[in-house]
PDB file of all heavy atoms in Angstrom:
ATOM      1  N   SER A   1     -60.489 -47.963  92.289  1.00  0.00           N
ATOM      2  CA  SER A   1     -60.854 -46.533  92.384  1.00  0.00           C
ATOM      3  C   SER A   1     -59.716 -45.642  92.851  1.00  0.00           C
ATOM      4  O   SER A   1     -59.924 -44.441  93.020  1.00  0.00           O
ATOM      5  CB  SER A   1     -62.078 -46.369  93.296  1.00  0.00           C
ATOM      6  OG  SER A   1     -61.717 -46.673  94.640  1.00  0.00           O
ATOM      7  N   THR A   2     -58.545 -46.178  93.080  1.00  0.00           N
ATOM      8  CA  THR A   2     -57.447 -45.362  93.622  1.00  0.00           C
ATOM      9  C   THR A   2     -56.819 -44.473  92.582  1.00  0.00           C
ATOM     10  O   THR A   2     -56.895 -44.732  91.368  1.00  0.00           O
ATOM     11  CB  THR A   2     -56.360 -46.245  94.268  1.00  0.00           C
ATOM     12  OG1 THR A   2     -55.899 -47.193  93.320  1.00  0.00           O
ATOM     13  CG2 THR A   2     -56.874 -46.960  95.497  1.00  0.00           C
ATOM     14  N   ASP A   3     -56.161 -43.452  93.046  1.00  0.00           N
ATOM     15  CA  ASP A   3     -55.480 -42.455  92.205  1.00  0.00           C
ATOM     16  C   ASP A   3     -54.416 -43.130  91.344  1.00  0.00           C
ATOM     17  O   ASP A   3     -53.736 -44.066  91.775  1.00  0.00           O
ATOM     18  CB  ASP A   3     -54.819 -41.404  93.114  1.00  0.00           C
ATOM     19  CG  ASP A   3     -54.408 -40.136  92.400  1.00  0.00           C
ATOM     20  OD1 ASP A   3     -53.691 -40.249  91.386  1.00  0.00           O
ATOM     21  OD2 ASP A   3     -54.793 -39.068  92.864  1.00  0.00           O
ATOM     22  N   GLU A   4     -54.236 -42.632  90.090  1.00  0.00           N
ATOM     23  CA  GLU A   4     -53.252 -43.206  89.194  1.00  0.00           C
ATOM     24  C   GLU A   4     -51.823 -43.000  89.669  1.00  0.00           C
ATOM     25  O   GLU A   4     -50.897 -43.707  89.239  1.00  0.00           O
ATOM     26  CB  GLU A   4     -53.410 -42.594  87.785  1.00  0.00           C
ATOM     27  CG  GLU A   4     -54.675 -43.038  87.061  1.00  0.00           C
ATOM     28  CD  GLU A   4     -54.774 -42.468  85.676  1.00  0.00           C
ATOM     29  OE1 GLU A   4     -53.873 -41.712  85.260  1.00  0.00           O
ATOM     30  OE2 GLU A   4     -55.776 -42.759  85.015  1.00  0.00           O
ATOM     31  N   ALA A   5     -51.604 -42.044  90.561  1.00  0.00           N
ATOM     32  CA  ALA A   5     -50.252 -41.769  91.070  1.00  0.00           C
ATOM     33  C   ALA A   5     -49.873 -42.668  92.260  1.00  0.00           C
ATOM     34  O   ALA A   5     -48.846 -42.498  92.866  1.00  0.00           O
ATOM     35  CB  ALA A   5     -50.134 -40.318  91.485  1.00  0.00           C
ATOM     36  N   LEU A   6     -50.723 -43.679  92.533  1.00  0.00           N
ATOM     37  CA  LEU A   6     -50.508 -44.530  93.701  1.00  0.00           C
ATOM     38  C   LEU A   6     -50.925 -45.957  93.398  1.00  0.00           C
ATOM     39  O   LEU A   6     -51.932 -46.211  92.759  1.00  0.00           O
ATOM     40  CB  LEU A   6     -51.370 -43.979  94.863  1.00  0.00           C
ATOM     41  CG  LEU A   6     -51.269 -44.636  96.220  1.00  0.00           C
ATOM     42  CD1 LEU A   6     -49.892 -44.453  96.812  1.00  0.00           C
ATOM     43  CD2 LEU A   6     -52.306 -44.053  97.159  1.00  0.00           C
ATOM     44  N   ASP A   7     -50.076 -46.907  93.821  1.00  0.00           N
ATOM     45  CA  ASP A   7     -50.406 -48.345  93.720  1.00  0.00           C
ATOM     46  C   ASP A   7     -50.208 -48.961  95.078  1.00  0.00           C
ATOM     47  O   ASP A   7     -49.335 -48.536  95.850  1.00  0.00           O
ATOM     48  CB  ASP A   7     -49.475 -49.035  92.714  1.00  0.00           C
ATOM     49  CG  ASP A   7     -49.828 -48.708  91.272  1.00  0.00           C
ATOM     50  OD1 ASP A   7     -51.010 -48.845  90.916  1.00  0.00           O
ATOM     51  OD2 ASP A   7     -48.912 -48.327  90.512  1.00  0.00           O
ATOM     52  N   PHE A   8     -51.006 -49.989  95.363  1.00  0.00           N
ATOM     53  CA  PHE A   8     -50.884 -50.722  96.615  1.00  0.00           C
ATOM     54  C   PHE A   8     -50.427 -52.144  96.305  1.00  0.00           C
ATOM     55  O   PHE A   8     -50.811 -52.738  95.304  1.00  0.00           O
ATOM     56  CB  PHE A   8     -52.195 -50.747  97.372  1.00  0.00           C
ATOM     57  CG  PHE A   8     -52.550 -49.419  97.997  1.00  0.00           C
ATOM     58  CD1 PHE A   8     -53.361 -48.518  97.343  1.00  0.00           C
ATOM     59  CD2 PHE A   8     -52.001 -49.064  99.228  1.00  0.00           C
ATOM     60  CE1 PHE A   8     -53.657 -47.297  97.917  1.00  0.00           C
ATOM     61  CE2 PHE A   8     -52.308 -47.838  99.822  1.00  0.00           C
ATOM     62  CZ  PHE A   8     -53.133 -46.950  99.145  1.00  0.00           C
ATOM     63  N   LEU A   9     -49.604 -52.669  97.202  1.00  0.00           N
ATOM     64  CA  LEU A   9     -49.077 -54.030  97.100  1.00  0.00           C
ATOM     65  C   LEU A   9     -49.761 -54.883  98.144  1.00  0.00           C
ATOM     66  O   LEU A   9     -49.860 -54.468  99.303  1.00  0.00           O
ATOM     67  CB  LEU A   9     -47.550 -54.016  97.333  1.00  0.00           C
ATOM     68  CG  LEU A   9     -46.862 -55.368  97.511  1.00  0.00           C
ATOM     69  CD1 LEU A   9     -46.843 -56.128  96.185  1.00  0.00           C
ATOM     70  CD2 LEU A   9     -45.436 -55.183  98.023  1.00  0.00           C
ATOM     71  N   ASN A  10     -50.247 -56.064  97.742  1.00  0.00           N
ATOM     72  CA  ASN A  10     -50.913 -56.933  98.703  1.00  0.00           C
ATOM     73  C   ASN A  10     -50.704 -58.384  98.312  1.00  0.00           C
ATOM     74  O   ASN A  10     -51.406 -58.955  97.508  1.00  0.00           O
ATOM     75  CB  ASN A  10     -52.425 -56.611  98.732  1.00  0.00           C
ATOM     76  CG  ASN A  10     -53.146 -57.386  99.808  1.00  0.00           C
ATOM     77  OD1 ASN A  10     -52.538 -58.034 100.662  1.00  0.00           O
ATOM     78  ND2 ASN A  10     -54.466 -57.373  99.789  1.00  0.00           N
ATOM     79  N   THR A  11     -49.649 -58.996  98.896  1.00  0.00           N
ATOM     80  CA  THR A  11     -49.378 -60.414  98.705  1.00  0.00           C
ATOM     81  C   THR A  11     -49.365 -61.079 100.079  1.00  0.00           C
ATOM     82  O   THR A  11     -49.350 -60.367 101.088  1.00  0.00           O
ATOM     83  CB  THR A  11     -48.013 -60.638  97.999  1.00  0.00           C
ATOM     84  OG1 THR A  11     -46.966 -60.330  98.913  1.00  0.00           O
ATOM     85  CG2 THR A  11     -47.882 -59.782  96.726  1.00  0.00           C
ATOM     86  N   PRO A  12     -49.348 -62.402 100.134  1.00  0.00           N
ATOM     87  CA  PRO A  12     -49.334 -63.050 101.466  1.00  0.00           C
ATOM     88  C   PRO A  12     -48.169 -62.604 102.356  1.00  0.00           C
ATOM     89  O   PRO A  12     -48.307 -62.507 103.566  1.00  0.00           O
ATOM     90  CB  PRO A  12     -49.230 -64.550 101.112  1.00  0.00           C
ATOM     91  CG  PRO A  12     -49.881 -64.640  99.800  1.00  0.00           C
ATOM     92  CD  PRO A  12     -49.509 -63.385  99.056  1.00  0.00           C
ATOM     93  N   SER A  13     -46.994 -62.307 101.765  1.00  0.00           N
ATOM     94  CA  SER A  13     -45.844 -61.957 102.587  1.00  0.00           C
ATOM     95  C   SER A  13     -45.444 -60.478 102.543  1.00  0.00           C
ATOM     96  O   SER A  13     -44.690 -60.010 103.406  1.00  0.00           O
ATOM     97  CB  SER A  13     -44.616 -62.783 102.171  1.00  0.00           C
ATOM     98  OG  SER A  13     -44.289 -62.524 100.828  1.00  0.00           O
ATOM     99  N   SER A  14     -45.941 -59.719 101.587  1.00  0.00           N
ATOM    100  CA  SER A  14     -45.553 -58.298 101.458  1.00  0.00           C
ATOM    101  C   SER A  14     -46.777 -57.409 101.219  1.00  0.00           C
ATOM    102  O   SER A  14     -47.628 -57.741 100.397  1.00  0.00           O
ATOM    103  CB  SER A  14     -44.559 -58.098 100.323  1.00  0.00           C
ATOM    104  OG  SER A  14     -43.321 -58.629 100.633  1.00  0.00           O
ATOM    105  N   LYS A  15     -46.809 -56.304 101.941  1.00  0.00           N
ATOM    106  CA  LYS A  15     -47.869 -55.320 101.764  1.00  0.00           C
ATOM    107  C   LYS A  15     -47.245 -53.947 101.773  1.00  0.00           C
ATOM    108  O   LYS A  15     -46.267 -53.718 102.514  1.00  0.00           O
ATOM    109  CB  LYS A  15     -48.937 -55.467 102.838  1.00  0.00           C
ATOM    110  CG  LYS A  15     -49.724 -56.792 102.728  1.00  0.00           C
ATOM    111  CD  LYS A  15     -50.700 -56.979 103.846  1.00  0.00           C
ATOM    112  CE  LYS A  15     -51.560 -58.221 103.661  1.00  0.00           C
ATOM    113  NZ  LYS A  15     -50.878 -59.419 103.181  1.00  0.00           N
ATOM    114  N   GLY A  16     -47.818 -53.033 100.987  1.00  0.00           N
ATOM    115  CA  GLY A  16     -47.253 -51.699 100.973  1.00  0.00           C
ATOM    116  C   GLY A  16     -47.875 -50.817  99.923  1.00  0.00           C
ATOM    117  O   GLY A  16     -48.979 -51.081  99.455  1.00  0.00           O
ATOM    118  N   PHE A  17     -47.165 -49.767  99.543  1.00  0.00           N
ATOM    119  CA  PHE A  17     -47.654 -48.839  98.520  1.00  0.00           C
ATOM    120  C   PHE A  17     -46.487 -48.219  97.770  1.00  0.00           C
ATOM    121  O   PHE A  17     -45.336 -48.246  98.234  1.00  0.00           O
ATOM    122  CB  PHE A  17     -48.548 -47.743  99.145  1.00  0.00           C
ATOM    123  CG  PHE A  17     -47.879 -46.889 100.168  1.00  0.00           C
ATOM    124  CD1 PHE A  17     -47.073 -45.800  99.838  1.00  0.00           C
ATOM    125  CD2 PHE A  17     -48.032 -47.169 101.531  1.00  0.00           C
ATOM    126  CE1 PHE A  17     -46.473 -45.008 100.783  1.00  0.00           C
ATOM    127  CE2 PHE A  17     -47.446 -46.373 102.510  1.00  0.00           C
ATOM    128  CZ  PHE A  17     -46.652 -45.291 102.133  1.00  0.00           C
ATOM    129  N   VAL A  18     -46.805 -47.701  96.588  1.00  0.00           N
ATOM    130  CA  VAL A  18     -45.825 -46.980  95.752  1.00  0.00           C
ATOM    131  C   VAL A  18     -46.475 -45.663  95.375  1.00  0.00           C
ATOM    132  O   VAL A  18     -47.567 -45.638  94.782  1.00  0.00           O
ATOM    133  CB  VAL A  18     -45.486 -47.756  94.471  1.00  0.00           C
ATOM    134  CG1 VAL A  18     -44.470 -46.952  93.642  1.00  0.00           C
ATOM    135  CG2 VAL A  18     -44.944 -49.126  94.778  1.00  0.00           C
ATOM    136  N   ILE A  19     -45.822 -44.557  95.688  1.00  0.00           N
ATOM    137  CA  ILE A  19     -46.256 -43.243  95.227  1.00  0.00           C
ATOM    138  C   ILE A  19     -45.411 -42.880  94.003  1.00  0.00           C
ATOM    139  O   ILE A  19     -44.194 -42.835  94.082  1.00  0.00           O
ATOM    140  CB  ILE A  19     -46.071 -42.155  96.298  1.00  0.00           C
ATOM    141  CG1 ILE A  19     -46.821 -42.482  97.561  1.00  0.00           C
ATOM    142  CG2 ILE A  19     -46.493 -40.788  95.752  1.00  0.00           C
ATOM    143  CD1 ILE A  19     -46.564 -41.522  98.733  1.00  0.00           C
ATOM    144  N   HIS A  20     -46.083 -42.664  92.874  1.00  0.00           N
ATOM    145  CA  HIS A  20     -45.384 -42.269  91.641  1.00  0.00           C
ATOM    146  C   HIS A  20     -45.224 -40.737  91.650  1.00  0.00           C
ATOM    147  O   HIS A  20     -46.038 -40.028  91.072  1.00  0.00           O
ATOM    148  CB  HIS A  20     -46.163 -42.755  90.438  1.00  0.00           C
ATOM    149  CG  HIS A  20     -46.408 -44.235  90.436  1.00  0.00           C
ATOM    150  ND1 HIS A  20     -45.412 -45.161  90.129  1.00  0.00           N
ATOM    151  CD2 HIS A  20     -47.509 -44.963  90.751  1.00  0.00           C
ATOM    152  CE1 HIS A  20     -45.916 -46.372  90.240  1.00  0.00           C
ATOM    153  NE2 HIS A  20     -47.187 -46.289  90.619  1.00  0.00           N
ATOM    154  N   PHE A  21     -44.204 -40.270  92.353  1.00  0.00           N
ATOM    155  CA  PHE A  21     -44.018 -38.844  92.528  1.00  0.00           C
ATOM    156  C   PHE A  21     -43.820 -38.136  91.190  1.00  0.00           C
ATOM    157  O   PHE A  21     -44.115 -36.943  91.068  1.00  0.00           O
ATOM    158  CB  PHE A  21     -42.832 -38.561  93.457  1.00  0.00           C
ATOM    159  CG  PHE A  21     -43.222 -38.489  94.903  1.00  0.00           C
ATOM    160  CD1 PHE A  21     -42.910 -39.525  95.765  1.00  0.00           C
ATOM    161  CD2 PHE A  21     -43.921 -37.405  95.407  1.00  0.00           C
ATOM    162  CE1 PHE A  21     -43.265 -39.464  97.104  1.00  0.00           C
ATOM    163  CE2 PHE A  21     -44.287 -37.325  96.734  1.00  0.00           C
ATOM    164  CZ  PHE A  21     -43.945 -38.363  97.600  1.00  0.00           C
ATOM    165  N   SER A  22     -43.336 -38.844  90.172  1.00  0.00           N
ATOM    166  CA  SER A  22     -43.161 -38.244  88.842  1.00  0.00           C
ATOM    167  C   SER A  22     -44.499 -37.812  88.244  1.00  0.00           C
ATOM    168  O   SER A  22     -44.548 -37.032  87.310  1.00  0.00           O
ATOM    169  CB  SER A  22     -42.447 -39.225  87.895  1.00  0.00           C
ATOM    170  OG  SER A  22     -43.167 -40.434  87.797  1.00  0.00           O
ATOM    171  N   GLU A  23     -45.598 -38.357  88.762  1.00  0.00           N
ATOM    172  CA  GLU A  23     -46.945 -38.009  88.260  1.00  0.00           C
ATOM    173  C   GLU A  23     -47.689 -37.060  89.195  1.00  0.00           C
ATOM    174  O   GLU A  23     -48.896 -36.851  89.031  1.00  0.00           O
ATOM    175  CB  GLU A  23     -47.751 -39.304  88.078  1.00  0.00           C
ATOM    176  CG  GLU A  23     -47.153 -40.261  87.048  1.00  0.00           C
ATOM    177  CD  GLU A  23     -47.938 -41.551  86.930  1.00  0.00           C
ATOM    178  OE1 GLU A  23     -49.122 -41.556  87.291  1.00  0.00           O
ATOM    179  OE2 GLU A  23     -47.345 -42.542  86.456  1.00  0.00           O
ATOM    180  N   THR A  24     -46.979 -36.513  90.157  1.00  0.00           N
ATOM    181  CA  THR A  24     -47.620 -35.564  91.085  1.00  0.00           C
ATOM    182  C   THR A  24     -46.916 -34.205  90.970  1.00  0.00           C
ATOM    183  O   THR A  24     -45.910 -34.089  90.290  1.00  0.00           O
ATOM    184  CB  THR A  24     -47.502 -36.053  92.569  1.00  0.00           C
ATOM    185  OG1 THR A  24     -46.131 -35.931  92.981  1.00  0.00           O
ATOM    186  CG2 THR A  24     -47.987 -37.483  92.709  1.00  0.00           C
TER     187      THR A  24
END
């Protein structure tokens, strides 16, 4: 359900997010 301009990363060793500023 998250915004298309944002992705979240969730692996056992890395967690985070990516903001696609080109789409904002």
